[in-house]
Protein backbone atom coordinates (compact mmCIF):
# COMPACT_ATOMS: atom_id res chain seq x y z
CA MET A 1 21.60 2.17 4.00
CA GLU A 2 20.91 0.65 0.57
CA VAL A 3 21.82 -2.95 -0.23
CA GLU A 4 21.26 -4.74 -3.55
CA ASP A 5 19.52 -8.04 -2.90
CA GLY A 6 20.89 -11.04 -4.80
CA HIS A 7 17.42 -12.53 -5.35
CA LEU A 8 16.23 -11.70 -8.87
CA ILE A 9 12.69 -10.56 -9.67
CA ALA A 10 11.76 -10.94 -13.35
CA GLY A 11 15.47 -11.45 -14.07
CA LYS A 12 16.60 -8.26 -12.35
CA PRO A 13 17.97 -7.50 -8.86
CA TRP A 14 16.26 -5.17 -6.42
CA THR A 15 17.47 -2.78 -3.76
CA ALA A 16 16.61 -2.91 -0.06
CA VAL A 17 16.81 0.15 2.15
CA LYS A 18 17.57 -0.62 5.79
CA ASP A 19 17.67 1.30 9.08
CA VAL A 20 15.45 4.21 8.00
CA SER A 21 15.24 6.61 10.94
CA ARG A 22 14.11 9.71 9.03
CA PRO A 23 11.09 9.39 6.70
CA THR A 24 11.11 11.13 3.32
CA LEU A 25 8.70 11.84 0.46
CA THR A 26 9.78 11.80 -3.19
CA VAL A 27 7.30 13.22 -5.70
CA TYR A 28 7.10 11.87 -9.25
CA SER A 29 5.04 14.37 -11.24
CA PRO A 30 3.47 13.49 -14.59
CA GLY A 31 4.03 15.50 -17.74
CA LYS A 32 1.36 17.37 -19.65
CA ALA A 33 -1.26 14.62 -19.32
CA ASN A 34 -1.80 15.18 -15.60
CA THR A 35 -5.05 13.56 -14.40
CA GLY A 36 -4.93 15.26 -10.98
CA VAL A 37 -4.87 11.87 -9.26
CA ALA A 38 -2.11 11.11 -6.73
CA VAL A 39 -1.01 7.84 -5.12
CA VAL A 40 1.18 7.59 -2.04
CA VAL A 41 3.24 4.39 -2.42
CA PHE A 42 4.35 2.19 0.49
CA PRO A 43 7.11 -0.31 -0.43
CA GLY A 44 7.16 -3.68 1.33
CA GLY A 45 9.86 -5.40 3.32
CA GLY A 46 8.25 -6.95 6.39
CA TYR A 47 8.64 -3.69 8.35
CA GLN A 48 12.33 -4.61 8.50
CA GLU A 49 13.50 -2.97 5.27
CA LEU A 50 12.04 -1.35 2.14
CA ALA A 51 12.07 -2.72 -1.42
CA ILE A 52 12.66 0.84 -2.52
CA ASP A 53 12.92 0.32 -6.30
CA LEU A 54 10.88 -2.85 -6.95
CA GLU A 55 7.87 -1.63 -4.93
CA GLY A 56 8.68 2.06 -4.82
CA SER A 57 10.44 4.11 -7.48
CA GLU A 58 9.51 1.77 -10.35
CA VAL A 59 5.85 2.04 -9.35
CA CYS A 60 5.96 5.82 -9.05
CA GLU A 61 7.63 6.15 -12.44
CA TRP A 62 4.87 4.03 -13.98
CA LEU A 63 2.17 6.12 -12.29
CA ALA A 64 3.71 9.37 -13.53
CA ALA A 65 3.92 7.97 -17.06
CA HIS A 66 0.15 7.37 -16.86
CA GLY A 67 -0.72 10.87 -15.67
CA ILE A 68 -0.85 10.06 -11.96
CA THR A 69 1.40 11.76 -9.40
CA GLY A 70 3.37 9.08 -7.57
CA VAL A 71 4.55 9.94 -4.06
CA LEU A 72 7.11 7.52 -2.66
CA LEU A 73 7.10 7.28 1.13
CA LYS A 74 10.32 6.02 2.67
CA TYR A 75 8.90 5.20 6.08
CA ARG A 76 10.75 4.27 9.24
CA VAL A 77 12.03 0.70 9.66
CA PRO A 78 12.79 -1.73 11.19
CA ASN A 79 10.06 -2.98 13.54
CA SER A 80 7.81 0.01 12.87
CA GLY A 81 4.75 -2.12 12.09
CA HIS A 82 3.32 -5.57 12.83
CA HIS A 83 6.14 -7.99 12.10
CA TRP A 84 7.27 -11.56 12.56
CA ASP A 85 9.44 -12.07 15.64
CA PRO A 86 11.77 -15.02 14.94
CA GLN A 87 12.49 -15.59 18.62
CA LEU A 88 8.85 -15.61 19.71
CA ARG A 89 7.84 -17.28 16.42
CA ARG A 90 4.74 -15.17 16.10
CA HIS A 91 3.56 -11.84 14.76
CA VAL A 92 3.99 -8.98 17.20
CA PRO A 93 2.84 -5.34 17.18
CA PRO A 94 5.45 -2.57 17.13
CA LYS A 95 6.48 -0.74 20.26
CA ALA A 96 5.66 2.47 18.38
CA GLU A 97 3.67 2.54 15.13
CA THR A 98 6.00 4.98 13.45
CA ALA A 99 5.30 3.62 9.95
CA LEU A 100 1.60 4.41 10.32
CA GLU A 101 2.48 7.83 11.73
CA ASP A 102 4.56 8.43 8.61
CA ALA A 103 1.64 7.38 6.39
CA GLN A 104 -0.75 9.75 8.18
CA ARG A 105 1.74 12.59 7.87
CA ALA A 106 2.40 11.84 4.19
CA ILE A 107 -1.25 12.07 3.14
CA GLY A 108 -1.65 15.31 5.09
CA LEU A 109 1.38 16.77 3.32
CA VAL A 110 0.10 15.77 -0.12
CA ARG A 111 -3.27 17.41 0.61
CA LEU A 112 -1.57 20.55 1.91
CA ARG A 113 0.64 20.79 -1.19
CA ALA A 114 -2.05 19.64 -3.63
CA ALA A 115 -2.19 22.94 -5.54
CA ASP A 116 1.61 23.12 -5.82
CA TRP A 117 1.81 19.55 -7.10
CA LYS A 118 -1.26 19.90 -9.38
CA VAL A 119 -3.16 17.26 -7.43
CA ASP A 120 -6.89 17.10 -6.72
CA PRO A 121 -7.11 16.83 -2.89
CA ARG A 122 -10.25 14.70 -3.30
CA ARG A 123 -8.42 12.09 -5.41
CA ILE A 124 -5.49 11.02 -3.28
CA GLY A 125 -5.03 7.29 -2.79
CA VAL A 126 -2.54 4.85 -1.32
CA MET A 127 -0.83 1.77 -2.76
CA GLY A 128 1.24 -0.73 -0.81
CA PHE A 129 3.01 -4.02 -1.31
CA SER A 130 3.37 -6.84 1.25
CA ALA A 131 3.98 -5.06 4.58
CA GLY A 132 3.14 -1.90 2.66
CA GLY A 133 -0.19 -3.57 1.86
CA HIS A 134 -0.79 -3.95 5.58
CA MET A 135 -0.03 -0.24 5.90
CA VAL A 136 -2.70 0.44 3.27
CA ALA A 137 -5.22 -1.36 5.50
CA ALA A 138 -3.90 0.44 8.58
CA ILE A 139 -4.21 3.96 7.12
CA SER A 140 -7.59 3.03 5.59
CA THR A 141 -8.92 2.28 9.08
CA HIS A 142 -6.86 4.67 11.26
CA TRP A 143 -7.37 8.09 9.72
CA GLU A 144 -9.76 9.80 12.13
CA LYS A 145 -7.08 10.61 14.72
CA ARG A 146 -3.35 11.24 14.34
CA LEU A 147 -1.08 8.97 16.37
CA TYR A 148 1.24 11.91 17.08
CA ALA A 149 0.97 15.51 18.25
CA THR A 150 0.10 18.05 15.56
CA VAL A 151 3.21 19.55 13.97
CA ASP A 152 1.83 22.06 11.45
CA ALA A 153 -0.98 22.71 8.95
CA ALA A 154 -0.40 19.38 7.19
CA ASP A 155 -1.61 17.57 10.30
CA ARG A 156 -4.87 19.49 10.20
CA GLN A 157 -5.64 18.00 6.80
CA SER A 158 -7.59 14.75 6.57
CA CYS A 159 -5.37 11.71 6.21
CA ARG A 160 -8.18 9.50 4.89
CA PRO A 161 -7.25 8.01 1.51
CA ASP A 162 -9.85 8.47 -1.23
CA PHE A 163 -9.04 4.98 -2.52
CA ALA A 164 -6.69 2.17 -1.54
CA VAL A 165 -4.67 -0.48 -3.38
CA ALA A 166 -3.05 -3.44 -1.59
CA LEU A 167 -0.90 -6.02 -3.35
CA TYR A 168 -0.11 -9.29 -1.57
CA PRO A 169 -0.64 -7.62 1.84
CA GLY A 170 0.75 -9.18 5.00
CA HIS A 171 -0.04 -9.20 8.72
CA LEU A 172 -3.81 -9.13 8.24
CA TRP A 173 -4.73 -12.75 9.03
CA GLY A 174 -4.92 -12.63 12.82
CA TRP A 175 -1.91 -12.26 15.06
CA THR A 176 -0.96 -15.90 15.37
CA PRO A 177 1.27 -18.33 13.45
CA LYS A 178 0.02 -19.32 10.03
CA ASP A 179 -0.96 -22.83 11.16
CA ASN A 180 -3.75 -21.35 13.27
CA PRO A 181 -7.04 -22.57 11.74
CA ASN A 182 -9.03 -19.46 12.67
CA PHE A 183 -9.82 -17.28 9.67
CA ASP A 184 -9.84 -13.99 11.56
CA LEU A 185 -8.78 -10.52 10.52
CA ASN A 186 -6.17 -8.77 12.63
CA PRO A 187 -8.32 -7.17 15.38
CA GLU A 188 -6.41 -3.87 15.16
CA ILE A 189 -7.80 -3.56 11.63
CA ALA A 190 -11.12 -5.39 12.06
CA THR A 191 -12.42 -3.17 14.86
CA HIS A 192 -11.94 -0.01 12.78
CA ILE A 193 -13.48 -1.06 9.45
CA SER A 194 -16.61 0.93 8.60
CA LYS A 195 -18.56 2.13 5.59
CA ARG A 196 -16.14 5.08 5.47
CA THR A 197 -13.19 2.79 4.78
CA PRO A 198 -12.11 3.82 1.27
CA PRO A 199 -12.84 1.74 -1.86
CA THR A 200 -10.15 -0.92 -2.10
CA PHE A 201 -8.44 -2.85 -4.90
CA LEU A 202 -6.61 -6.07 -3.98
CA VAL A 203 -4.16 -8.14 -6.03
CA GLN A 204 -2.94 -11.57 -4.93
CA ALA A 205 -1.32 -14.74 -6.31
CA GLN A 206 -2.54 -18.07 -4.97
CA ASP A 207 0.97 -19.58 -5.08
CA ASP A 208 2.41 -16.81 -2.87
CA PRO A 209 5.03 -18.59 -0.71
CA VAL A 210 4.49 -16.05 2.07
CA ASP A 211 0.87 -17.27 2.15
CA SER A 212 -0.49 -13.75 2.08
CA VAL A 213 -3.41 -15.13 0.04
CA ASN A 214 -5.31 -15.56 3.32
CA ASP A 215 -4.45 -11.98 4.31
CA SER A 216 -6.05 -10.71 1.10
CA LEU A 217 -9.09 -12.97 1.41
CA VAL A 218 -9.84 -12.15 5.03
CA TYR A 219 -9.48 -8.41 4.39
CA TYR A 220 -11.70 -8.56 1.30
CA LEU A 221 -14.42 -10.40 3.24
CA ALA A 222 -14.28 -7.86 6.06
CA LEU A 223 -14.61 -4.99 3.58
CA LYS A 224 -17.50 -6.71 1.79
CA ASN A 225 -19.33 -7.38 5.05
CA ALA A 226 -18.92 -3.72 6.06
CA GLY A 227 -20.45 -2.54 2.78
CA VAL A 228 -17.17 -1.15 1.43
CA SER A 229 -16.66 -1.23 -2.34
CA ALA A 230 -13.85 -3.74 -2.90
CA GLU A 231 -12.39 -5.57 -5.89
CA LEU A 232 -10.14 -8.63 -5.51
CA HIS A 233 -8.04 -10.15 -8.29
CA LEU A 234 -6.72 -13.58 -7.34
CA PHE A 235 -4.30 -15.11 -9.85
CA ALA A 236 -3.19 -18.74 -9.87
CA LYS A 237 0.49 -17.91 -10.27
CA GLY A 238 2.74 -14.96 -9.52
CA GLY A 239 4.43 -15.68 -6.21
CA HIS A 240 5.30 -12.81 -3.89
CA ALA A 241 6.94 -9.43 -4.47
CA PHE A 242 6.36 -9.26 -8.22
CA GLY A 243 5.80 -5.50 -8.14
CA LEU A 244 5.33 -4.04 -11.62
CA ARG A 245 7.95 -6.16 -13.33
CA HIS A 246 6.51 -7.88 -16.38
CA THR A 247 6.51 -11.65 -16.91
CA ASP A 248 4.47 -13.92 -19.18
CA LEU A 249 2.03 -14.61 -16.31
CA PRO A 250 -1.47 -13.03 -16.27
CA VAL A 251 -0.68 -11.40 -12.92
CA SER A 252 1.44 -8.90 -14.86
CA ASP A 253 -1.79 -7.42 -16.22
CA TRP A 254 -2.77 -5.99 -12.83
CA PRO A 255 -1.75 -2.38 -13.69
CA GLU A 256 -4.31 -2.25 -16.53
CA LEU A 257 -6.95 -3.71 -14.19
CA PHE A 258 -6.05 -1.05 -11.63
CA VAL A 259 -6.56 1.76 -14.15
CA ALA A 260 -9.90 0.27 -15.22
CA TRP A 261 -10.94 0.11 -11.56
CA LEU A 262 -10.03 3.78 -11.02
CA ARG A 263 -12.36 4.63 -13.90
CA SER A 264 -15.11 2.40 -12.51
CA ILE A 265 -15.12 4.22 -9.15
CA GLY A 266 -15.02 7.65 -10.80
CA VAL A 267 -11.46 8.60 -9.86
CA LEU A 268 -10.26 8.64 -13.47
CA ASP A 269 -12.30 9.89 -16.37
CA ALA A 270 -13.22 7.32 -19.01
CA PRO A 271 -11.34 7.72 -22.30
CA SER A 272 -13.16 9.73 -24.98
CA GLY A 273 -15.45 7.59 -27.09
CA HIS A 274 -16.34 5.27 -24.17
């Protein structure tokens, strides 16, 4: 079920998808200038809904326009990941981590179909926003074993991302209310971080009203301490859920920083003459 939200982002509305019971993949292929890189995109929405255009289709269209195959994952919601329970007034884990299962399955499918989609199976990354940013951390640390029984050849492919991008991620700063003074990473993520966690790019605004700034900081520190290559861009202003929509704030420059980072880690070739 799709519902247009009345709250405007950069002067435009956005669409929420609710009650997703069947996950889907939508592939956005680039034109002639195909770099061979692919990014599986996880929209945000607190694991209750999906900001399917703002943090999904608009992102994939931008990726395709820049030679990168965008793969939009419409994963199962609601309550399919760590979420805020208004009755208990705390963050709670899901009864079944179906969103993470969908992420594992999606990466396996992209690797299986890499030749068909003109993708290099060694250059497949993930990008997520808000709750989707938490899913980036989850798949980056839970790729060695599938959470579900093998279905077909796709599930025999590795589901480890080659790189990871998380924008204003949530649900990473412990499992307790935000007034808890302990600066601890969610233990479900912390206990699985290793040197094999993929290189990670983080984008965050300090004035984020959801206060996900601490989620980004605690995850960055954990990656750094584990010896994982990580890059964090913390902007003074930008709020939450800005996606790719352009404003006059410096945070809108994050896509160019992302492309430069892909070049710096060897995923994208440097332009000729550089």
